Amino acid sequence: KHFLAEDIYPALGGATTWTPDDKGFLYVEASTADAHSNQLFQNMKPKVHRLGTPMSTDKILISATTHPALGVNASDYGFAFYSNDEKYLVAYWFEGGNTSLKAWYAPATSLDNPQWTAFVDKNDDVTGAVVQGDSVYLQSRKNAANYRILVRALNDPSKKERVAVPEGKENIQWLSSSKDFLFYQTTDGVNTSIYKISLLNGRRGRINLPFSGTAWISTL
């Protein structure tokens, strides 16, 4: 084992994901290396880096400068990554804070020139989304103050949705997924609970935690 001689600087958050061929990775280039600058999170540029090549040749995947027609603003916070099955490239953009999500997808095979298609806009009032196969699960607060989880076909322009998890007494905080399960967290304001939904049969169940408090779950 050895360290690769890759020089990526300045960047925000490290590599978001490796490419399917393991010959490169996606990351977000920062506008400045000054951590105290008010420009640090301005004009963020998700890029793809190929191992053994200089950063100067890295391609911008999406940004306010290269994709103004998409409605990406220079002040937005955004990043790009692959869906779990590496079938799609996905880009998420926020205006900051707990604002509604804007999101696009493109075939993973189009990495050199992704043609982005919107699947979430501000009017959807979604704050989290998980692309799984050809479906997308949405953490929505539209007509649901405590949030609910909706699911629809990724490429359905009519956005015909069904409710996967209805609004409850507890607030839904986030959702994530693995190959076979969707996970989501709820909170009563003090303690959290984590649930899983089988992507094979739709069965839902609570995950028993070893202690009370605030918990998260992620997949590697």
Protein backbone atom coordinates (compact mmCIF):
# COMPACT_ATOMS: atom_id res chain seq x y z
CA LYS A 1 0.00 0.00 0.00
CA HIS A 2 1.15 3.53 -0.72
CA PHE A 3 -0.16 7.07 -0.87
CA LEU A 4 -1.05 8.40 -4.30
CA ALA A 5 0.63 11.61 -5.37
CA GLU A 6 -2.60 13.51 -5.95
CA ASP A 7 -2.71 17.23 -5.14
CA ILE A 8 -6.30 18.51 -4.80
CA TYR A 9 -6.44 21.93 -3.16
CA PRO A 10 -8.50 23.82 -2.18
CA ALA A 11 -11.38 21.38 -1.82
CA LEU A 12 -14.40 21.08 0.45
CA GLY A 13 -15.06 17.86 2.32
CA GLY A 14 -12.70 15.55 0.45
CA ALA A 15 -13.86 13.05 -2.15
CA THR A 16 -17.63 12.63 -2.28
CA THR A 17 -17.42 9.32 -4.15
CA TRP A 18 -15.11 7.26 -6.35
CA THR A 19 -15.90 6.60 -9.97
CA PRO A 20 -17.17 3.08 -10.76
CA ASP A 21 -13.86 2.15 -12.41
CA ASP A 22 -11.90 3.28 -9.31
CA LYS A 23 -9.71 5.45 -11.53
CA GLY A 24 -10.95 8.76 -10.23
CA PHE A 25 -13.25 10.49 -7.78
CA LEU A 26 -15.69 13.37 -7.48
CA TYR A 27 -15.03 16.32 -5.20
CA VAL A 28 -15.99 19.97 -4.73
CA GLU A 29 -13.43 22.65 -5.50
CA ALA A 30 -13.52 25.63 -3.14
CA SER A 31 -13.26 29.17 -4.43
CA THR A 32 -10.61 30.04 -1.87
CA ALA A 33 -8.28 28.35 0.60
CA ASP A 34 -9.02 31.04 3.21
CA ALA A 35 -11.28 29.38 5.78
CA HIS A 36 -12.33 32.80 7.09
CA SER A 37 -13.32 34.24 3.72
CA ASN A 38 -16.96 34.91 2.92
CA GLN A 39 -16.18 33.48 -0.52
CA LEU A 40 -15.39 30.02 0.84
CA PHE A 41 -18.82 28.60 -0.03
CA GLN A 42 -19.40 30.74 -3.11
CA ASN A 43 -19.22 29.43 -6.67
CA MET A 44 -18.79 25.83 -5.58
CA LYS A 45 -17.64 23.54 -8.38
CA PRO A 46 -18.25 19.78 -8.22
CA LYS A 47 -15.54 18.18 -10.35
CA VAL A 48 -14.23 14.81 -11.45
CA HIS A 49 -10.54 14.02 -10.96
CA ARG A 50 -8.72 11.24 -12.80
CA LEU A 51 -5.81 9.67 -10.96
CA GLY A 52 -2.42 10.70 -12.27
CA THR A 53 -3.67 13.91 -13.91
CA PRO A 54 -3.21 17.51 -12.71
CA MET A 55 -6.10 19.25 -10.96
CA SER A 56 -6.05 21.91 -13.67
CA THR A 57 -7.52 19.39 -16.14
CA ASP A 58 -10.39 18.32 -13.87
CA LYS A 59 -13.80 18.79 -15.46
CA ILE A 60 -16.56 20.79 -13.78
CA LEU A 61 -19.69 18.65 -13.58
CA ILE A 62 -22.16 21.39 -12.63
CA SER A 63 -21.89 24.96 -11.39
CA ALA A 64 -23.45 28.41 -11.61
CA THR A 65 -20.86 29.38 -14.22
CA THR A 66 -21.13 26.35 -16.49
CA HIS A 67 -24.86 25.61 -16.09
CA PRO A 68 -26.70 28.92 -15.55
CA ALA A 69 -29.82 27.58 -17.30
CA LEU A 70 -30.34 25.06 -14.49
CA GLY A 71 -30.97 27.76 -11.93
CA VAL A 72 -27.80 27.06 -9.94
CA ASN A 73 -26.83 30.19 -8.01
CA ALA A 74 -23.29 31.22 -7.10
CA SER A 75 -24.31 31.39 -3.42
CA ASP A 76 -25.82 27.88 -3.37
CA TYR A 77 -24.21 24.96 -1.55
CA GLY A 78 -23.95 21.92 -3.81
CA PHE A 79 -22.20 18.65 -4.57
CA ALA A 80 -22.38 15.70 -6.97
CA PHE A 81 -22.13 11.98 -6.35
CA TYR A 82 -23.22 8.58 -7.67
CA SER A 83 -26.41 6.78 -6.73
CA ASN A 84 -25.87 3.65 -4.62
CA ASP A 85 -26.01 1.35 -7.64
CA GLU A 86 -23.76 3.74 -9.62
CA LYS A 87 -26.41 3.95 -12.33
CA TYR A 88 -26.82 7.72 -12.08
CA LEU A 89 -24.87 10.86 -11.33
CA VAL A 90 -26.81 13.02 -8.88
CA ALA A 91 -26.36 16.69 -8.00
CA TYR A 92 -27.90 18.34 -4.92
CA TRP A 93 -28.02 22.09 -4.36
CA PHE A 94 -29.28 24.13 -1.39
CA GLU A 95 -29.58 27.84 -0.83
CA GLY A 96 -28.45 27.38 2.76
CA GLY A 97 -29.93 26.43 6.11
CA ASN A 98 -33.03 24.27 6.05
CA THR A 99 -34.03 25.38 2.57
CA SER A 100 -35.70 23.26 -0.07
CA LEU A 101 -33.55 21.05 -2.25
CA LYS A 102 -32.87 21.41 -5.96
CA ALA A 103 -31.67 18.20 -7.59
CA TRP A 104 -30.68 16.79 -10.98
CA TYR A 105 -29.61 13.45 -12.36
CA ALA A 106 -27.72 12.18 -15.40
CA PRO A 107 -26.70 8.70 -16.59
CA ALA A 108 -23.48 7.63 -14.90
CA THR A 109 -22.07 6.82 -18.32
CA SER A 110 -22.22 10.52 -19.23
CA LEU A 111 -19.49 11.56 -16.77
CA ASP A 112 -17.47 13.33 -19.47
CA ASN A 113 -20.46 15.44 -20.52
CA PRO A 114 -23.45 15.00 -18.18
CA GLN A 115 -26.80 16.21 -19.48
CA TRP A 116 -28.62 17.07 -16.28
CA THR A 117 -32.35 16.48 -15.81
CA ALA A 118 -34.16 18.07 -12.87
CA PHE A 119 -36.14 15.77 -10.59
CA VAL A 120 -36.65 18.04 -7.56
CA ASP A 121 -37.24 21.79 -7.51
CA LYS A 122 -37.94 24.32 -4.76
CA ASN A 123 -41.71 24.05 -5.23
CA ASP A 124 -41.58 20.40 -4.17
CA ASP A 125 -40.49 21.56 -0.67
CA VAL A 126 -38.14 18.61 -0.25
CA THR A 127 -35.15 18.74 2.10
CA GLY A 128 -33.68 15.29 1.45
CA ALA A 129 -33.74 12.74 -1.34
CA VAL A 130 -32.37 9.26 -2.03
CA VAL A 131 -32.06 7.88 -5.56
CA GLN A 132 -32.50 4.12 -5.49
CA GLY A 133 -32.63 2.27 -8.79
CA ASP A 134 -35.04 4.18 -11.02
CA SER A 135 -36.96 5.59 -8.07
CA VAL A 136 -36.40 8.53 -5.76
CA TYR A 137 -37.45 8.75 -2.11
CA LEU A 138 -38.22 12.27 -0.93
CA GLN A 139 -38.21 13.79 2.54
CA SER A 140 -41.07 16.22 2.00
CA ARG A 141 -42.57 18.89 4.26
CA LYS A 142 -45.14 19.95 1.69
CA ASN A 143 -48.48 19.80 3.53
CA ALA A 144 -46.65 17.91 6.31
CA ALA A 145 -45.05 20.00 9.07
CA ASN A 146 -43.36 16.92 10.57
CA TYR A 147 -42.38 15.64 7.14
CA ARG A 148 -43.35 12.50 5.27
CA ILE A 149 -41.50 10.29 2.81
CA LEU A 150 -42.76 10.11 -0.75
CA VAL A 151 -41.57 7.89 -3.59
CA ARG A 152 -41.88 8.33 -7.34
CA ALA A 153 -40.21 7.29 -10.56
CA LEU A 154 -37.04 9.27 -11.13
CA ASN A 155 -37.83 10.05 -14.77
CA ASP A 156 -41.55 10.80 -14.34
CA PRO A 157 -42.15 14.41 -15.45
CA SER A 158 -45.66 14.32 -13.96
CA LYS A 159 -44.13 13.60 -10.52
CA LYS A 160 -46.81 11.09 -9.60
CA GLU A 161 -46.03 10.16 -6.01
CA ARG A 162 -47.14 7.69 -3.38
CA VAL A 163 -46.64 7.94 0.36
CA ALA A 164 -43.98 5.55 1.67
CA VAL A 165 -44.03 6.93 5.23
CA PRO A 166 -46.93 9.16 6.34
CA GLU A 167 -46.49 12.16 8.60
CA GLY A 168 -46.45 11.22 12.28
CA LYS A 169 -46.16 12.85 15.68
CA GLU A 170 -42.35 12.81 15.49
CA ASN A 171 -40.34 14.87 13.04
CA ILE A 172 -38.52 13.00 10.26
CA GLN A 173 -34.95 14.32 10.28
CA TRP A 174 -33.14 12.52 7.45
CA LEU A 175 -33.14 9.48 5.20
CA SER A 176 -30.43 7.32 3.62
CA SER A 177 -30.21 3.93 1.97
CA SER A 178 -28.24 0.76 1.43
CA LYS A 179 -28.60 -1.85 -1.29
CA ASP A 180 -31.73 -3.41 0.21
CA PHE A 181 -33.06 -0.89 2.74
CA LEU A 182 -34.14 2.71 3.13
CA PHE A 183 -33.36 4.20 6.55
CA TYR A 184 -34.89 7.24 8.20
CA GLN A 185 -34.65 8.95 11.56
CA THR A 186 -37.41 10.56 13.64
CA THR A 187 -37.13 12.67 16.76
CA ASP A 188 -39.40 13.83 19.58
CA GLY A 189 -37.05 16.75 20.17
CA VAL A 190 -34.83 14.88 22.61
CA ASN A 191 -34.49 11.24 21.58
CA THR A 192 -34.33 9.79 18.10
CA SER A 193 -35.56 6.57 16.55
CA ILE A 194 -34.28 4.90 13.39
CA TYR A 195 -36.46 2.86 11.06
CA LYS A 196 -35.79 0.73 8.02
CA ILE A 197 -37.94 -0.08 5.00
CA SER A 198 -37.19 -3.10 2.86
CA LEU A 199 -36.76 -2.08 -0.76
CA LEU A 200 -37.70 -5.64 -1.73
CA ASN A 201 -41.10 -5.98 -0.03
CA GLY A 202 -41.82 -2.59 1.58
CA ARG A 203 -41.88 -3.93 5.13
CA ARG A 204 -41.09 -1.30 7.73
CA GLY A 205 -39.58 -1.79 11.19
CA ARG A 206 -37.82 0.05 13.96
CA ILE A 207 -34.13 -0.61 14.59
CA ASN A 208 -33.40 -1.35 18.23
CA LEU A 209 -30.67 0.95 19.54
CA PRO A 210 -28.44 0.15 22.54
CA PHE A 211 -29.19 3.46 24.24
CA SER A 212 -31.43 6.53 24.03
CA GLY A 213 -30.35 9.89 22.68
CA THR A 214 -29.46 11.10 19.22
CA ALA A 215 -28.34 8.52 16.66
CA TRP A 216 -27.38 8.45 12.98
CA ILE A 217 -26.79 5.62 10.57
CA SER A 218 -24.71 5.45 7.41
CA THR A 219 -23.49 2.84 4.98
CA LEU A 220 -19.93 2.27 3.76
